[in-house]
Every structure is written in structure tokens, then in C-alpha cells.
Amino acid sequence: MAHIYSVSQITRAIKEDLEARYPFLWVQGQIGTLSRPGSGHIYFTLKDREASLNVAWFKSSQKTRSGIDPKALESGAEVICAGRMNVYPPRGVYQLIAELVEDRGVGGLQLQFEALKRKLAEQGYFAPENKRSLPGHPSRVAVVTAAESAALHDFLRLARRRGWPGEIRIHPTPVQGDAASESVARTLDQVNRLGWAQIIVLIRGGGSLEDLWTFNTETVAKALHRSTIPVVSGIGHEVDLSIADMVADVRASTPSHAAQLIWPERTEMMQQIDEAESALYQAWKSRYTRICDELEGLTRALSWLSPARRLKQLQQTLALQESGLRRSADFLLQTKRNRLQHLADRLQRVFGPDSWRVREQAIRALEDRQEAAARAHLRGKRYELDRVADRLEALDPYLPLKRGYSLVTVERTGEFLRTGVQVESGEDVSIRTEKEDIGARIK
């Protein structure tokens, strides 16, 4: 059997589902019918070409940053509403509970704001792990803001009453207008390049969404993100939340609050010094009491151990150790003496007078043997030399000339004449005898 719902059950289910799915949203449209009952609430329809949506704007929420006057709201106006979806069970209708109603121009800026916010969040610009903590008691602070602005005066007025003495450098820049974003970004980069400041303070007084739009641009957001110096932002009033506030390392609700975050009150610092002094005294007193207790315990333990008797025992132990040391030293000395005598005897046997005489005789015998061997070697080499000389003399081509022979050389080739085929008729030859050379010609 199918389950049957009551009207309350189905309405409650729709209410829970719708409100959970749309906890907060922006809706753009044109105001249709509009009513203002005596309660001060405003009820109207928001419509486009295809649909309409009931909107309830309660009196407690009728404040906007854009400065729109709820009394000036009229049918036909193009607006953007921000709020949450709601189901009204007694009438069974759904409606938008408006938290903010802005004209369409300002609403367009709000949509740009939300789009840039999502983009930078995806890129990690707002990640808590990228936020840097401020140094304690900074003495060098760079302030980026408009010259002679109320925000600057508020910051300096509060800074004079807080922290230790230090130096504040003002870097004036426009904070509103078409060129303000680029100017603020350049000034932030310049402060980083100088490297002087410990903290950068970016402040501006309150205003409408359009007035504060410089601090909702990607140009300023990127300059803040790439800053190597921690940045404190104080843009507008507490209700104003800019992109710059979300990118900065620390967000102050106002310019004055920025000074409060950077430096503590001097009265608070004096109180901290007093508390530290009191804590130091208590710590010293506790340690002094503990040391006194330990000293008293050691004194009692010393009396129980009888230092005089302990000293006597130590003296007896020392005497025994001294006696044992002497015996060990005597034994060691005698052992070394015996070892030394043994080595001396061995040296005497190896290097004594008899040993030297034996070595001298051996050297002389070796000298004699070496001399005899040298003579024999020299005789053998002389004999070999004579044999080689005889063989060389026998091989001398001019030796036969002494016995009456002669050598015939062919002039043309310079070769010795051995056969008749080497020359032809009429060719010159040279005949060499023992004493002269004779020219001749073959017939």
C-alpha cells in the first residue's frame, strides 16, 4: 500500500530540502508588485521574462553597503538580492528571505567580487598555510594609503600610544579611481624591493562597494600574494570585507584596529612586565626553597655517613693500592731489565769483535773471488775480440790487393766486375791495385 503523506509532512520535507540546498544565493531580476505594511517589512516579487519569486525583506536586514534607500525601492527597478530560500508552511509558498538588496549596477560589482573570490580561492590565495605571522614588537613599519587620509591619521594616532618606539614610513598612493589598483600594486612592490620594513600596513577608510573596489581587483590581490613582507590590511569598516583582506596575512577590521594588532598597549606591556617580574620572583623563591631542602637532606645524609670514617677508609684503600702499585712497578722494572739483558747478549753475539773478524775474512774472500772472476772474464773477452778482429780482417775486400790482385769496377754502375756480361765493348772500367787506380776501356 502506498504511503500517504500529510500536508504538513510534505511541506516540511520540501522546506528542509530547499533550505539545505540554497543556504545563501544571489538572485537578479525586476521588482514587480511591492507592499510596505506598518511593520516596516517590505514584500515584493522579483521577476524576469519567464518566472517570478516572492521576496521578504525584513526591517532588521534593511541596511546595505551600497547605500540604497529601502524607502526609495519601487516597482520596475532592476535589483540583485542576496539571501536564503525559505518555505512559508501556512501558505505553502516558497520565498527568498533577503539579507541584502542592491541596485543592478552595484550588484554587478558584487558578482565580479564573488567570481574573483572563487578564482583566487582555487589558486590558494586564501589558504591559511600561506599566511605569515607578524613579528613581535616591530620597529620598522611601512604604511600604504592615501596621503593625509583620515585612515592614516587614525592609524598614527593609535600607534603613538602603543608598542615600543619605532619608525613608520608613509608610502602615499591613490586608493580610489581607475588607476588606483595599479598604483597600490606598484607601491607594494616598491616596499618589498626596498626591504626595509618588517610589516606592511595597507589601510583605507570606509565607503561604498564602488569606493572600495580598488581592493577587490586581481592586480592588488597578486601584489599582496607575491609580497615577501607580512601584510596587515585594514580596509573600510568592520562589515566591509575585501579581496585584499582575504589575501593579506592578517586582516584588521579598521585602520585603527591594524595598529592594535601590530603593537600592544603600553599599559598591557607594563602589566606583562609586572607579571613576568612576579613570576620570576616566585620561580626564584621556589628554587631557593628546593635548594635549601636539598641542602638540609644532604647535611643529614653526611652526618649519617660519618665523613671522618669514610675518609679513613679511603686512606686505607689508598695505602693498599699504593702498595700494590709499588709491587707491580718493581715486577715490571725487573721484567724489563731481564728483557734488556737478553737483547744485549744477542747483540753481543751478533755484533761482537769475533763476529766482525769473521765478517772481515768473508769480505776479503769475496774480494779475491771477485778479482779472479774479473780477470778471467777480461781474458775471455780479449780472446773473443781477437777472433772478431781476425774475421773482420779476413773479410776486408782490399786485403787481396796486397797479394798482387786487383779490383775492377764498372764506371757506369759502380759495381765490382765479376762476369763479362756486366760490361759491353767500349765501356769504361776502373782497375784498383794496392797502390793506385787505373782507368781502362773494354774492346
Protein backbone atom coordinates (compact mmCIF):
# COMPACT_ATOMS: atom_id res chain seq x y z
CA MET A 1 0.00 0.00 0.00
CA ALA A 2 1.40 3.42 -0.96
CA HIS A 3 2.40 5.74 1.86
CA ILE A 4 0.09 8.69 2.33
CA TYR A 5 1.69 11.99 3.41
CA SER A 6 0.01 14.73 5.33
CA VAL A 7 0.17 18.29 4.00
CA SER A 8 2.47 19.24 6.90
CA GLN A 9 4.80 16.32 6.21
CA ILE A 10 5.27 17.05 2.52
CA THR A 11 5.57 20.78 3.15
CA ARG A 12 8.16 20.16 5.88
CA ALA A 13 10.14 17.83 3.57
CA ILE A 14 10.16 20.44 0.79
CA LYS A 15 11.18 23.15 3.27
CA GLU A 16 14.13 21.13 4.63
CA ASP A 17 15.34 20.16 1.16
CA LEU A 18 15.05 23.65 -0.35
CA GLU A 19 16.63 25.50 2.57
CA ALA A 20 19.50 22.99 2.81
CA ARG A 21 20.21 23.25 -0.91
CA TYR A 22 20.16 27.07 -1.05
CA PRO A 23 21.51 28.39 2.29
CA PHE A 24 22.70 31.59 0.56
CA LEU A 25 22.42 32.83 -3.03
CA TRP A 26 22.26 35.90 -5.26
CA VAL A 27 19.20 36.49 -7.48
CA GLN A 28 18.83 39.18 -10.13
CA GLY A 29 15.53 40.48 -11.51
CA GLN A 30 12.98 43.29 -11.78
CA ILE A 31 10.72 44.31 -8.92
CA GLY A 32 7.06 43.60 -9.66
CA THR A 33 4.36 44.18 -7.05
CA LEU A 34 5.66 45.80 -3.84
CA SER A 35 4.00 46.36 -0.46
CA ARG A 36 5.11 48.12 2.76
CA PRO A 37 2.92 47.16 5.77
CA GLY A 38 3.12 49.10 9.02
CA SER A 39 5.62 46.64 10.48
CA GLY A 40 8.38 48.19 8.34
CA HIS A 41 8.99 44.96 6.40
CA ILE A 42 8.96 45.07 2.60
CA TYR A 43 7.40 42.37 0.45
CA PHE A 44 7.80 42.28 -3.32
CA THR A 45 8.08 39.96 -6.28
CA LEU A 46 11.30 39.58 -8.26
CA LYS A 47 10.62 38.58 -11.86
CA ASP A 48 12.15 38.05 -15.27
CA ARG A 49 10.52 37.06 -18.60
CA GLU A 50 9.68 33.51 -17.55
CA ALA A 51 9.13 33.42 -13.77
CA SER A 52 8.66 35.38 -10.57
CA LEU A 53 9.88 34.89 -7.00
CA ASN A 54 8.39 36.22 -3.75
CA VAL A 55 10.87 38.18 -1.65
CA ALA A 56 10.59 39.20 2.01
CA TRP A 57 12.96 41.97 3.16
CA PHE A 58 12.58 42.31 6.91
CA LYS A 59 13.23 45.60 8.66
CA SER A 60 16.21 44.27 10.62
CA SER A 61 18.08 43.47 7.36
CA GLN A 62 17.33 46.72 5.52
CA LYS A 63 20.92 48.00 5.60
CA THR A 64 23.19 47.70 2.60
CA ARG A 65 26.75 48.67 1.87
CA SER A 66 25.72 50.25 -1.40
CA GLY A 67 23.67 52.91 0.39
CA ILE A 68 20.38 52.02 -1.33
CA ASP A 69 17.40 53.54 0.50
CA PRO A 70 14.68 50.93 1.21
CA LYS A 71 12.09 53.75 1.08
CA ALA A 72 13.16 54.51 -2.49
CA LEU A 73 12.62 50.95 -3.62
CA GLU A 74 9.85 50.89 -6.25
CA SER A 75 8.30 48.63 -8.84
CA GLY A 76 10.19 48.26 -12.10
CA ALA A 77 13.66 48.69 -10.51
CA GLU A 78 16.36 46.24 -11.58
CA VAL A 79 18.00 44.85 -8.42
CA ILE A 80 20.09 42.00 -7.14
CA CYS A 81 19.02 40.32 -3.89
CA ALA A 82 21.21 38.20 -1.64
CA GLY A 83 19.68 35.88 0.92
CA ARG A 84 18.40 32.40 1.68
CA MET A 85 15.49 30.36 0.36
CA ASN A 86 12.58 29.72 2.71
CA VAL A 87 9.25 27.87 2.63
CA TYR A 88 6.30 29.50 4.46
CA PRO A 89 4.16 26.49 5.58
CA PRO A 90 0.85 28.30 6.42
CA ARG A 91 0.53 29.43 2.78
CA GLY A 92 2.52 26.62 1.19
CA VAL A 93 4.73 29.02 -0.81
CA TYR A 94 8.48 29.40 -1.16
CA GLN A 95 10.18 32.79 -0.96
CA LEU A 96 13.57 34.48 -0.73
CA ILE A 97 14.43 35.99 2.66
CA ALA A 98 16.56 38.95 1.55
CA GLU A 99 19.62 39.91 3.59
CA LEU A 100 20.84 42.46 1.07
CA VAL A 101 19.16 44.36 -1.79
CA GLU A 102 21.31 46.35 -4.18
CA ASP A 103 20.70 48.07 -7.46
CA ARG A 104 21.80 46.17 -10.52
CA GLY A 105 24.98 48.22 -11.05
CA VAL A 106 26.27 47.55 -7.57
CA GLY A 107 25.07 44.00 -7.82
CA GLY A 108 27.22 43.54 -10.92
CA LEU A 109 30.24 44.51 -8.88
CA GLN A 110 29.18 42.01 -6.25
CA LEU A 111 29.03 39.28 -8.88
CA GLN A 112 32.52 40.25 -10.05
CA PHE A 113 33.62 40.14 -6.44
CA GLU A 114 32.26 36.63 -5.97
CA ALA A 115 33.78 35.41 -9.26
CA LEU A 116 37.24 36.74 -8.38
CA LYS A 117 36.88 35.36 -4.87
CA ARG A 118 36.21 31.85 -6.25
CA LYS A 119 39.10 32.12 -8.73
CA LEU A 120 41.65 33.21 -6.12
CA ALA A 121 40.42 30.63 -3.63
CA GLU A 122 41.02 27.88 -6.21
CA GLN A 123 44.57 29.22 -6.71
CA GLY A 124 45.31 29.06 -2.97
CA TYR A 125 45.46 32.81 -2.32
CA PHE A 126 43.39 32.49 0.86
CA ALA A 127 44.96 29.26 2.17
CA PRO A 128 45.75 29.53 5.91
CA GLU A 129 49.07 27.69 5.44
CA ASN A 130 50.27 30.58 3.24
CA LYS A 131 49.56 33.18 5.94
CA ARG A 132 52.59 34.51 7.83
CA SER A 133 52.56 35.55 11.47
CA LEU A 134 53.55 39.08 12.41
CA PRO A 135 56.91 39.72 14.10
CA GLY A 136 56.64 40.75 17.73
CA HIS A 137 57.19 44.43 18.56
CA PRO A 138 58.15 45.58 15.02
CA SER A 139 60.23 48.77 14.86
CA ARG A 140 60.02 49.36 11.06
CA VAL A 141 56.52 49.64 9.58
CA ALA A 142 55.60 50.78 6.05
CA VAL A 143 52.09 52.24 5.63
CA VAL A 144 50.50 52.21 2.16
CA THR A 145 47.50 54.52 1.95
CA ALA A 146 46.30 57.85 0.61
CA ALA A 147 48.24 60.90 1.84
CA GLU A 148 46.57 62.92 4.60
CA SER A 149 43.66 60.47 4.78
CA ALA A 150 41.50 60.01 7.87
CA ALA A 151 42.55 56.36 7.93
CA LEU A 152 46.22 57.38 8.16
CA HIS A 153 45.52 59.86 10.97
CA ASP A 154 43.56 57.22 12.92
CA PHE A 155 46.38 54.70 12.49
CA LEU A 156 49.13 57.13 13.57
CA ARG A 157 47.09 58.44 16.50
CA LEU A 158 46.67 54.96 17.91
CA ALA A 159 50.26 53.94 17.08
CA ARG A 160 51.63 56.74 19.28
CA ARG A 161 50.09 55.14 22.35
CA ARG A 162 51.19 51.56 21.64
CA GLY A 163 54.34 49.45 21.46
CA TRP A 164 57.97 50.42 21.83
CA PRO A 165 59.47 53.37 19.94
CA GLY A 166 59.99 52.66 16.26
CA GLU A 167 59.84 54.17 12.77
CA ILE A 168 56.84 54.43 10.44
CA ARG A 169 57.33 55.29 6.76
CA ILE A 170 54.36 56.53 4.77
CA HIS A 171 54.12 55.44 1.12
CA PRO A 172 51.29 57.61 -0.29
CA THR A 173 49.23 56.23 -3.16
CA PRO A 174 45.73 56.81 -4.55
CA VAL A 175 43.23 54.32 -3.12
CA GLN A 176 40.24 55.18 -5.30
CA GLY A 177 39.83 55.69 -9.01
CA ASP A 178 40.63 53.91 -12.25
CA ALA A 179 44.41 53.97 -11.78
CA ALA A 180 44.37 53.24 -8.04
CA SER A 181 44.76 49.46 -8.37
CA GLU A 182 47.95 49.71 -10.43
CA SER A 183 49.31 52.42 -8.10
CA VAL A 184 48.67 50.35 -4.97
CA ALA A 185 50.29 47.28 -6.57
CA ARG A 186 53.37 49.28 -7.64
CA THR A 187 53.73 50.76 -4.16
CA LEU A 188 53.54 47.32 -2.54
CA ASP A 189 56.21 46.01 -4.93
CA GLN A 190 58.39 49.05 -4.22
CA VAL A 191 58.21 48.50 -0.45
CA ASN A 192 59.24 44.87 -0.99
CA ARG A 193 62.19 45.88 -3.18
CA LEU A 194 63.44 48.33 -0.56
CA GLY A 195 63.42 45.54 2.01
CA TRP A 196 63.39 47.99 4.92
CA ALA A 197 60.03 47.24 6.51
CA GLN A 198 59.23 44.39 8.87
CA ILE A 199 55.48 44.81 8.25
CA ILE A 200 53.41 46.44 5.50
CA VAL A 201 50.11 48.08 6.54
CA LEU A 202 47.51 48.61 3.79
CA ILE A 203 44.65 50.81 5.06
CA ARG A 204 41.72 52.80 3.74
CA GLY A 205 38.65 54.41 5.31
CA GLY A 206 35.08 53.24 4.83
CA GLY A 207 32.88 53.74 1.79
CA SER A 208 30.55 52.07 -0.65
CA LEU A 209 31.36 48.97 -2.65
CA GLU A 210 32.36 51.19 -5.57
CA ASP A 211 34.62 53.29 -3.32
CA LEU A 212 36.42 50.20 -2.05
CA TRP A 213 36.62 48.47 -5.45
CA THR A 214 40.39 49.14 -5.74
CA PHE A 215 40.93 46.47 -3.08
CA ASN A 216 38.71 43.94 -4.88
CA THR A 217 40.88 43.74 -8.01
CA GLU A 218 43.13 40.91 -9.13
CA THR A 219 46.03 43.36 -9.59
CA VAL A 220 46.13 44.25 -5.88
CA ALA A 221 45.48 40.64 -4.87
CA LYS A 222 48.50 39.41 -6.86
CA ALA A 223 50.73 42.15 -5.42
CA LEU A 224 49.72 41.12 -1.90
CA HIS A 225 50.24 37.44 -2.69
CA ARG A 226 53.78 37.93 -4.00
CA SER A 227 54.82 40.18 -1.11
CA THR A 228 57.72 38.72 0.89
CA ILE A 229 56.91 41.01 3.83
CA PRO A 230 53.88 40.22 6.05
CA VAL A 231 50.90 42.46 5.21
CA VAL A 232 48.19 43.74 7.57
CA SER A 233 45.09 45.07 5.80
CA GLY A 234 42.55 47.43 7.34
CA ILE A 235 40.06 48.31 4.58
CA GLY A 236 36.87 50.18 5.40
CA HIS A 237 34.79 49.29 8.44
CA GLU A 238 34.24 46.00 10.21
CA VAL A 239 31.36 44.98 7.91
CA ASP A 240 33.46 45.58 4.79
CA LEU A 241 35.34 42.51 3.61
CA SER A 242 37.51 42.96 0.55
CA ILE A 243 39.61 40.59 -1.57
CA ALA A 244 42.69 42.36 -0.18
CA ASP A 245 41.57 41.49 3.36
CA MET A 246 41.30 37.82 2.43
CA VAL A 247 44.71 37.69 0.68
CA ALA A 248 46.61 39.66 3.35
CA ASP A 249 48.40 37.76 6.09
CA VAL A 250 46.34 39.47 8.83
CA ARG A 251 43.03 41.31 8.44
CA ALA A 252 42.14 44.26 10.68
CA SER A 253 38.54 45.39 10.88
CA THR A 254 39.53 49.08 10.69
CA PRO A 255 42.73 51.13 10.21
CA SER A 256 42.83 51.75 13.96
CA HIS A 257 42.45 48.05 14.60
CA ALA A 258 45.53 47.47 12.41
CA ALA A 259 47.63 49.44 14.91
CA GLN A 260 46.12 47.42 17.74
CA LEU A 261 47.09 44.15 16.03
CA ILE A 262 50.68 45.27 15.42
CA TRP A 263 51.52 46.83 18.78
CA PRO A 264 50.19 46.01 22.27
CA GLU A 265 49.07 48.73 24.66
CA ARG A 266 51.92 50.11 26.69
CA THR A 267 49.86 49.65 29.84
CA GLU A 268 49.44 46.00 28.87
CA MET A 269 53.18 45.73 28.31
CA MET A 270 53.86 47.23 31.73
CA GLN A 271 51.39 44.76 33.22
CA GLN A 272 53.16 41.92 31.39
CA ILE A 273 56.48 43.12 32.82
CA ASP A 274 54.98 43.19 36.32
CA GLU A 275 53.55 39.70 35.81
CA ALA A 276 56.90 38.46 34.49
CA GLU A 277 58.69 40.02 37.47
CA SER A 278 56.24 38.37 39.85
CA ALA A 279 56.61 35.02 38.06
CA LEU A 280 60.41 35.36 38.19
CA TYR A 281 60.29 36.07 41.91
CA GLN A 282 58.01 33.08 42.52
CA ALA A 283 60.31 30.87 40.44
CA TRP A 284 63.37 32.11 42.36
CA LYS A 285 61.62 31.60 45.68
CA SER A 286 60.53 28.08 44.70
CA ARG A 287 64.04 27.18 43.54
CA TYR A 288 65.62 28.70 46.67
CA THR A 289 63.27 26.68 48.90
CA ARG A 290 64.02 23.49 46.93
CA ILE A 291 67.77 24.05 47.19
CA CYS A 292 67.50 24.68 50.93
CA ASP A 293 65.55 21.43 51.34
CA GLU A 294 68.13 19.54 49.29
CA LEU A 295 70.96 21.06 51.31
CA GLU A 296 69.28 20.05 54.55
CA GLY A 297 68.80 16.49 53.29
CA LEU A 298 72.44 16.30 52.20
CA THR A 299 73.54 17.58 55.58
CA ARG A 300 71.60 14.81 57.33
CA ALA A 301 72.97 12.20 54.92
CA LEU A 302 76.51 13.46 55.54
CA SER A 303 76.10 13.09 59.28
CA TRP A 304 74.79 9.53 58.80
CA LEU A 305 77.74 8.55 56.60
CA SER A 306 80.41 9.91 59.07
CA PRO A 307 82.83 11.70 56.77
CA ALA A 308 85.82 11.08 59.12
CA ARG A 309 85.33 7.32 58.98
CA ARG A 310 84.75 7.45 55.29
CA LEU A 311 87.98 9.42 54.90
CA LYS A 312 89.89 6.81 56.95
CA GLN A 313 88.52 4.02 54.78
CA LEU A 314 89.57 5.90 51.72
CA GLN A 315 93.07 6.38 53.17
CA GLN A 316 93.39 2.62 53.86
CA THR A 317 92.19 1.83 50.36
CA LEU A 318 94.72 4.31 49.01
CA ALA A 319 97.55 2.71 51.04
CA LEU A 320 96.67 -0.77 49.73
CA GLN A 321 96.51 0.49 46.17
CA GLU A 322 99.84 2.29 46.63
CA SER A 323 101.50 -0.90 47.93
CA GLY A 324 100.09 -2.94 45.07
CA LEU A 325 101.26 -0.29 42.62
CA ARG A 326 104.82 -0.45 44.01
CA ARG A 327 104.90 -4.24 43.67
CA SER A 328 103.60 -4.02 40.15
CA ALA A 329 106.17 -1.37 39.32
CA ASP A 330 109.06 -3.45 40.76
CA PHE A 331 107.91 -6.55 38.88
CA LEU A 332 107.57 -4.60 35.67
CA LEU A 333 111.01 -2.98 36.11
CA GLN A 334 112.70 -6.34 36.75
CA THR A 335 110.97 -7.85 33.73
CA LYS A 336 112.19 -5.02 31.54
CA ARG A 337 115.76 -5.39 32.90
CA ASN A 338 115.81 -9.10 32.12
CA ARG A 339 114.48 -8.44 28.64
CA LEU A 340 117.11 -5.73 28.09
CA GLN A 341 119.96 -8.05 29.24
CA HIS A 342 118.72 -10.79 26.91
CA LEU A 343 118.69 -8.39 23.97
CA ALA A 344 122.18 -7.13 24.90
CA ASP A 345 123.54 -10.68 24.89
CA ARG A 346 122.02 -11.33 21.49
CA LEU A 347 123.51 -8.12 20.13
CA GLN A 348 126.92 -9.09 21.55
CA ARG A 349 126.76 -12.44 19.80
CA VAL A 350 125.69 -10.89 16.53
CA PHE A 351 127.78 -7.72 16.54
CA GLY A 352 130.74 -8.55 18.89
CA PRO A 353 134.55 -8.45 17.96
CA ASP A 354 134.64 -12.12 16.88
CA SER A 355 131.64 -11.52 14.64
CA TRP A 356 133.39 -8.59 12.96
CA ARG A 357 136.57 -10.61 12.32
CA VAL A 358 134.54 -13.38 10.70
CA ARG A 359 132.72 -10.81 8.52
CA GLU A 360 136.06 -9.18 7.57
CA GLN A 361 137.52 -12.53 6.46
CA ALA A 362 134.41 -13.30 4.45
CA ILE A 363 134.61 -9.88 2.76
CA ARG A 364 138.28 -10.44 1.84
CA ALA A 365 137.49 -13.87 0.40
CA LEU A 366 134.69 -12.35 -1.66
CA GLU A 367 137.06 -9.63 -2.91
CA ASP A 368 139.61 -12.24 -4.03
CA ARG A 369 136.93 -14.25 -5.80
CA GLN A 370 135.58 -11.19 -7.48
CA GLU A 371 139.07 -10.13 -8.69
CA ALA A 372 139.85 -13.59 -10.11
CA ALA A 373 136.48 -13.72 -11.83
CA ALA A 374 137.08 -10.27 -13.32
CA ARG A 375 140.49 -11.33 -14.72
CA ALA A 376 139.04 -14.50 -16.22
CA HIS A 377 136.13 -12.55 -17.73
CA LEU A 378 138.55 -9.97 -19.19
CA ARG A 379 140.75 -12.68 -20.75
CA GLY A 380 137.73 -14.31 -22.32
CA LYS A 381 136.52 -11.01 -23.77
CA ARG A 382 140.04 -10.19 -25.12
CA TYR A 383 140.19 -13.60 -26.84
CA GLU A 384 136.76 -13.04 -28.38
CA LEU A 385 137.88 -9.58 -29.56
CA ASP A 386 140.96 -11.03 -31.26
CA ARG A 387 138.82 -13.61 -33.03
CA VAL A 388 136.38 -10.98 -34.25
CA ALA A 389 139.28 -8.79 -35.45
CA ASP A 390 140.77 -11.67 -37.42
CA ARG A 391 137.39 -12.40 -39.01
CA LEU A 392 136.90 -8.74 -39.90
CA GLU A 393 140.39 -8.57 -41.45
CA ALA A 394 139.69 -11.70 -43.46
CA LEU A 395 136.52 -10.12 -44.79
CA ASP A 396 138.36 -6.92 -45.96
CA PRO A 397 137.79 -6.70 -49.77
CA TYR A 398 141.08 -4.86 -50.27
CA LEU A 399 143.25 -7.44 -48.49
CA PRO A 400 143.89 -9.47 -51.73
CA LEU A 401 145.41 -6.35 -53.31
CA LYS A 402 148.45 -6.79 -51.03
CA ARG A 403 149.00 -10.22 -52.61
CA GLY A 404 149.06 -8.80 -56.18
CA TYR A 405 145.37 -8.96 -57.03
CA SER A 406 143.34 -6.05 -58.36
CA LEU A 407 139.64 -4.97 -58.32
CA VAL A 408 137.77 -3.90 -61.50
CA THR A 409 134.80 -1.53 -61.10
CA VAL A 410 132.29 -0.71 -63.85
CA GLU A 411 132.19 3.09 -64.19
CA ARG A 412 128.59 3.08 -65.32
CA THR A 413 127.17 1.14 -62.36
CA GLY A 414 129.90 1.40 -59.73
CA GLU A 415 129.74 -2.39 -59.22
CA PHE A 416 132.67 -4.81 -59.00
CA LEU A 417 133.18 -6.67 -62.28
CA ARG A 418 132.63 -10.38 -61.70
CA THR A 419 131.45 -11.63 -65.19
CA GLY A 420 131.76 -10.42 -68.75
CA VAL A 421 128.03 -9.89 -69.12
CA GLN A 422 128.23 -6.87 -66.79
CA VAL A 423 130.00 -4.74 -69.47
CA GLU A 424 129.88 -4.06 -73.17
CA SER A 425 132.55 -3.17 -75.73
CA GLY A 426 133.76 0.40 -75.36
CA GLU A 427 132.56 0.76 -71.73
CA ASP A 428 134.89 2.35 -69.19
CA VAL A 429 136.12 0.48 -66.14
CA SER A 430 138.38 1.35 -63.19
CA ILE A 431 141.17 -1.01 -62.10
CA ARG A 432 142.32 -0.66 -58.50
CA THR A 433 145.66 -2.05 -57.38
CA GLU A 434 147.29 -1.89 -53.97
CA LYS A 435 148.88 1.47 -54.70
CA GLU A 436 146.82 3.18 -57.43
CA ASP A 437 143.66 3.32 -59.60
CA ILE A 438 143.99 2.76 -63.40
CA GLY A 439 141.30 3.70 -65.97
CA ALA A 440 140.66 1.30 -68.90
CA ARG A 441 138.13 0.59 -71.68
CA ILE A 442 136.68 -2.69 -72.82
CA LYS A 443 137.39 -3.58 -76.50
